[in-house]
C-alpha atoms as a PDB file:
ATOM      1  CA  MET A   1      82.657-121.288  96.354  1.00  0.00           C
ATOM      2  CA  GLU A   2      81.981-124.718  94.964  1.00  0.00           C
ATOM      3  CA  ARG A   3      78.770-126.681  94.471  1.00  0.00           C
ATOM      4  CA  THR A   4      77.995-130.363  94.758  1.00  0.00           C
ATOM      5  CA  LEU A   5      74.927-132.544  94.436  1.00  0.00           C
ATOM      6  CA  ALA A   6      73.723-134.318  97.552  1.00  0.00           C
ATOM      7  CA  ILE A   7      70.991-136.924  97.701  1.00  0.00           C
ATOM      8  CA  ILE A   8      69.291-138.233 100.800  1.00  0.00           C
ATOM      9  CA  LYS A   9      68.467-141.760  99.668  1.00  0.00           C
ATOM     10  CA  PRO A  10      65.253-143.797 100.128  1.00  0.00           C
ATOM     11  CA  ASP A  11      66.634-145.725 103.118  1.00  0.00           C
ATOM     12  CA  ALA A  12      67.089-142.446 105.007  1.00  0.00           C
ATOM     13  CA  THR A  13      63.711-141.007 104.019  1.00  0.00           C
ATOM     14  CA  LYS A  14      62.068-144.249 105.124  1.00  0.00           C
ATOM     15  CA  LYS A  15      63.830-143.992 108.511  1.00  0.00           C
ATOM     16  CA  ARG A  16      62.594-140.375 108.817  1.00  0.00           C
ATOM     17  CA  ILE A  17      66.041-138.879 109.340  1.00  0.00           C
ATOM     18  CA  ILE A  18      65.863-136.174 106.670  1.00  0.00           C
ATOM     19  CA  GLY A  19      65.888-133.463 109.335  1.00  0.00           C
ATOM     20  CA  LYS A  20      68.930-134.917 111.086  1.00  0.00           C
ATOM     21  CA  ILE A  21      70.858-135.015 107.817  1.00  0.00           C
ATOM     22  CA  ILE A  22      69.855-131.469 106.845  1.00  0.00           C
ATOM     23  CA  ALA A  23      70.818-130.223 110.315  1.00  0.00           C
ATOM     24  CA  ARG A  24      74.232-131.847 109.892  1.00  0.00           C
ATOM     25  CA  ILE A  25      74.634-130.246 106.460  1.00  0.00           C
ATOM     26  CA  GLU A  26      73.963-126.822 107.958  1.00  0.00           C
ATOM     27  CA  GLN A  27      76.210-127.493 110.975  1.00  0.00           C
ATOM     28  CA  GLU A  28      79.059-128.295 108.586  1.00  0.00           C
ATOM     29  CA  GLY A  29      78.712-124.846 107.008  1.00  0.00           C
ATOM     30  CA  PHE A  30      77.026-125.703 103.718  1.00  0.00           C
ATOM     31  CA  THR A  31      74.446-123.453 102.125  1.00  0.00           C
ATOM     32  CA  ILE A  32      71.559-125.380 100.594  1.00  0.00           C
ATOM     33  CA  VAL A  33      71.120-123.588  97.267  1.00  0.00           C
ATOM     34  CA  ARG A  34      68.361-125.814  95.844  1.00  0.00           C
ATOM     35  CA  MET A  35      66.334-128.638  97.358  1.00  0.00           C
ATOM     36  CA  LYS A  36      63.394-130.804  96.388  1.00  0.00           C
ATOM     37  CA  LEU A  37      61.730-134.029  97.491  1.00  0.00           C
ATOM     38  CA  VAL A  38      60.987-136.390  94.599  1.00  0.00           C
ATOM     39  CA  HIS A  39      60.203-140.018  93.920  1.00  0.00           C
ATOM     40  CA  LEU A  40      62.518-141.010  91.078  1.00  0.00           C
ATOM     41  CA  THR A  41      61.157-143.199  88.328  1.00  0.00           C
ATOM     42  CA  LYS A  42      63.217-146.215  87.408  1.00  0.00           C
ATOM     43  CA  ASP A  43      64.119-144.495  84.116  1.00  0.00           C
ATOM     44  CA  GLU A  44      65.334-141.381  85.981  1.00  0.00           C
ATOM     45  CA  ALA A  45      67.482-143.556  88.246  1.00  0.00           C
ATOM     46  CA  LYS A  46      68.863-145.460  85.242  1.00  0.00           C
ATOM     47  CA  GLY A  47      69.730-142.200  83.511  1.00  0.00           C
ATOM     48  CA  PHE A  48      71.428-140.805  86.586  1.00  0.00           C
ATOM     49  CA  TYR A  49      73.499-143.937  87.203  1.00  0.00           C
ATOM     50  CA  ILE A  50      74.231-144.601  83.509  1.00  0.00           C
ATOM     51  CA  VAL A  51      77.987-144.616  84.210  1.00  0.00           C
ATOM     52  CA  HIS A  52      77.443-147.866  86.139  1.00  0.00           C
ATOM     53  CA  LYS A  53      75.260-149.611  83.519  1.00  0.00           C
ATOM     54  CA  ASP A  54      77.813-152.376  82.885  1.00  0.00           C
ATOM     55  CA  LYS A  55      78.339-153.149  86.569  1.00  0.00           C
ATOM     56  CA  GLY A  56      76.613-155.955  88.429  1.00  0.00           C
ATOM     57  CA  PHE A  57      74.958-153.649  90.944  1.00  0.00           C
ATOM     58  CA  TYR A  58      73.359-151.309  88.369  1.00  0.00           C
ATOM     59  CA  ASP A  59      69.885-152.865  88.296  1.00  0.00           C
ATOM     60  CA  SER A  60      69.568-153.251  92.064  1.00  0.00           C
ATOM     61  CA  LEU A  61      70.864-149.695  92.607  1.00  0.00           C
ATOM     62  CA  CYS A  62      68.288-148.279  90.184  1.00  0.00           C
ATOM     63  CA  GLU A  63      65.557-150.379  91.798  1.00  0.00           C
ATOM     64  CA  PHE A  64      66.548-149.104  95.247  1.00  0.00           C
ATOM     65  CA  MET A  65      66.843-145.446  94.204  1.00  0.00           C
ATOM     66  CA  SER A  66      63.342-145.568  92.709  1.00  0.00           C
ATOM     67  CA  SER A  67      61.849-147.428  95.698  1.00  0.00           C
ATOM     68  CA  GLY A  68      60.871-144.320  97.671  1.00  0.00           C
ATOM     69  CA  PRO A  69      61.291-140.573  97.964  1.00  0.00           C
ATOM     70  CA  VAL A  70      64.702-138.916  97.848  1.00  0.00           C
ATOM     71  CA  VAL A  71      65.794-135.411  98.748  1.00  0.00           C
ATOM     72  CA  LEU A  72      67.882-133.750  96.042  1.00  0.00           C
ATOM     73  CA  MET A  73      70.056-130.819  97.087  1.00  0.00           C
ATOM     74  CA  VAL A  74      72.654-128.500  95.665  1.00  0.00           C
ATOM     75  CA  LEU A  75      75.134-127.685  98.419  1.00  0.00           C
ATOM     76  CA  GLU A  76      77.551-124.766  98.324  1.00  0.00           C
ATOM     77  CA  ALA A  77      80.711-124.214 100.387  1.00  0.00           C
ATOM     78  CA  GLU A  78      84.451-123.778 100.047  1.00  0.00           C
ATOM     79  CA  ASN A  79      85.689-127.141  98.731  1.00  0.00           C
ATOM     80  CA  ALA A  80      82.111-128.442  98.844  1.00  0.00           C
ATOM     81  CA  ILE A  81      82.817-131.700  97.019  1.00  0.00           C
ATOM     82  CA  LYS A  82      85.667-132.753  99.306  1.00  0.00           C
ATOM     83  CA  LEU A  83      83.913-131.550 102.450  1.00  0.00           C
ATOM     84  CA  TRP A  84      80.634-133.324 101.615  1.00  0.00           C
ATOM     85  CA  ARG A  85      82.499-136.556 100.883  1.00  0.00           C
ATOM     86  CA  GLU A  86      84.199-136.296 104.289  1.00  0.00           C
ATOM     87  CA  VAL A  87      80.858-135.714 106.029  1.00  0.00           C
ATOM     88  CA  MET A  88      79.286-138.663 104.170  1.00  0.00           C
ATOM     89  CA  GLY A  89      82.097-141.127 104.895  1.00  0.00           C
ATOM     90  CA  ALA A  90      83.218-144.166 102.919  1.00  0.00           C
ATOM     91  CA  THR A  91      80.713-145.790 100.533  1.00  0.00           C
ATOM     92  CA  ASP A  92      80.675-148.915 102.702  1.00  0.00           C
ATOM     93  CA  PRO A  93      79.255-147.884 106.093  1.00  0.00           C
ATOM     94  CA  ALA A  94      81.365-150.601 107.750  1.00  0.00           C
ATOM     95  CA  GLN A  95      84.497-148.794 106.483  1.00  0.00           C
ATOM     96  CA  ALA A  96      83.261-145.255 107.194  1.00  0.00           C
ATOM     97  CA  LYS A  97      84.804-143.263 110.019  1.00  0.00           C
ATOM     98  CA  PRO A  98      82.727-142.918 113.194  1.00  0.00           C
ATOM     99  CA  GLY A  99      80.633-139.765 113.160  1.00  0.00           C
ATOM    100  CA  THR A 100      80.135-139.744 109.390  1.00  0.00           C
ATOM    101  CA  LEU A 101      76.594-139.981 108.032  1.00  0.00           C
ATOM    102  CA  ARG A 102      77.164-143.360 106.421  1.00  0.00           C
ATOM    103  CA  HIS A 103      78.752-144.831 109.542  1.00  0.00           C
ATOM    104  CA  THR A 104      75.947-143.505 111.731  1.00  0.00           C
ATOM    105  CA  HIS A 105      72.954-144.218 109.481  1.00  0.00           C
ATOM    106  CA  GLY A 106      74.065-146.495 106.617  1.00  0.00           C
ATOM    107  CA  PHE A 107      73.195-150.171 106.293  1.00  0.00           C
ATOM    108  CA  SER A 108      75.143-151.421 103.261  1.00  0.00           C
ATOM    109  CA  ILE A 109      77.187-150.222 100.295  1.00  0.00           C
ATOM    110  CA  GLU A 110      73.952-149.607  98.377  1.00  0.00           C
ATOM    111  CA  ARG A 111      71.749-148.490 101.263  1.00  0.00           C
ATOM    112  CA  ASN A 112      74.200-145.965 102.636  1.00  0.00           C
ATOM    113  CA  THR A 113      71.920-143.000 103.339  1.00  0.00           C
ATOM    114  CA  VAL A 114      73.444-140.312 101.101  1.00  0.00           C
ATOM    115  CA  HIS A 115      75.061-139.633  97.729  1.00  0.00           C
ATOM    116  CA  GLY A 116      77.542-136.967  96.750  1.00  0.00           C
ATOM    117  CA  SER A 117      79.372-135.957  93.600  1.00  0.00           C
ATOM    118  CA  ASP A 118      82.979-137.141  93.360  1.00  0.00           C
ATOM    119  CA  ALA A 119      84.494-134.400  91.166  1.00  0.00           C
ATOM    120  CA  ARG A 120      83.716-130.969  89.686  1.00  0.00           C
ATOM    121  CA  ASP A 121      82.715-132.280  86.253  1.00  0.00           C
ATOM    122  CA  THR A 122      80.551-134.961  87.852  1.00  0.00           C
ATOM    123  CA  ALA A 123      78.923-132.365  90.133  1.00  0.00           C
ATOM    124  CA  GLU A 124      78.091-130.132  87.168  1.00  0.00           C
ATOM    125  CA  TRP A 125      76.518-133.028  85.265  1.00  0.00           C
ATOM    126  CA  GLU A 126      74.625-134.364  88.298  1.00  0.00           C
ATOM    127  CA  ILE A 127      73.261-130.956  89.277  1.00  0.00           C
ATOM    128  CA  SER A 128      72.088-130.286  85.727  1.00  0.00           C
ATOM    129  CA  TYR A 129      70.459-133.748  85.591  1.00  0.00           C
ATOM    130  CA  PHE A 130      68.068-132.889  88.403  1.00  0.00           C
ATOM    131  CA  PHE A 131      68.008-129.086  88.402  1.00  0.00           C
ATOM    132  CA  LYS A 132      67.452-127.576  84.994  1.00  0.00           C
ATOM    133  CA  LYS A 133      68.729-124.030  84.553  1.00  0.00           C
END
């Protein structure tokens, strides 16, 4: 079994679709190992997205991610990282396959409903960032 971090972003919590996303997660066969609703501070968002600090979208991303509540989850399944990325869809909702969460609920590259880890080492770091052992 593999674990990945999933985040339901502020755009989705504002639209009140947390339940729809969680239902989809369970339908896809994931086990939700840990979950919490938090309102990230700007410093927490900056720390989480530190790998993007030199990119033009860093400040607006951190502003957005600290603009409202998010749902942080640790998901577990066989090939969880790959599977979750398939369920999420492409980063740009306009490029995401129909039926994916980002295609169905996303608005833009930044406001795209959900986040997921992209690799095992990233997942380990991201999970430990929000869920201390």
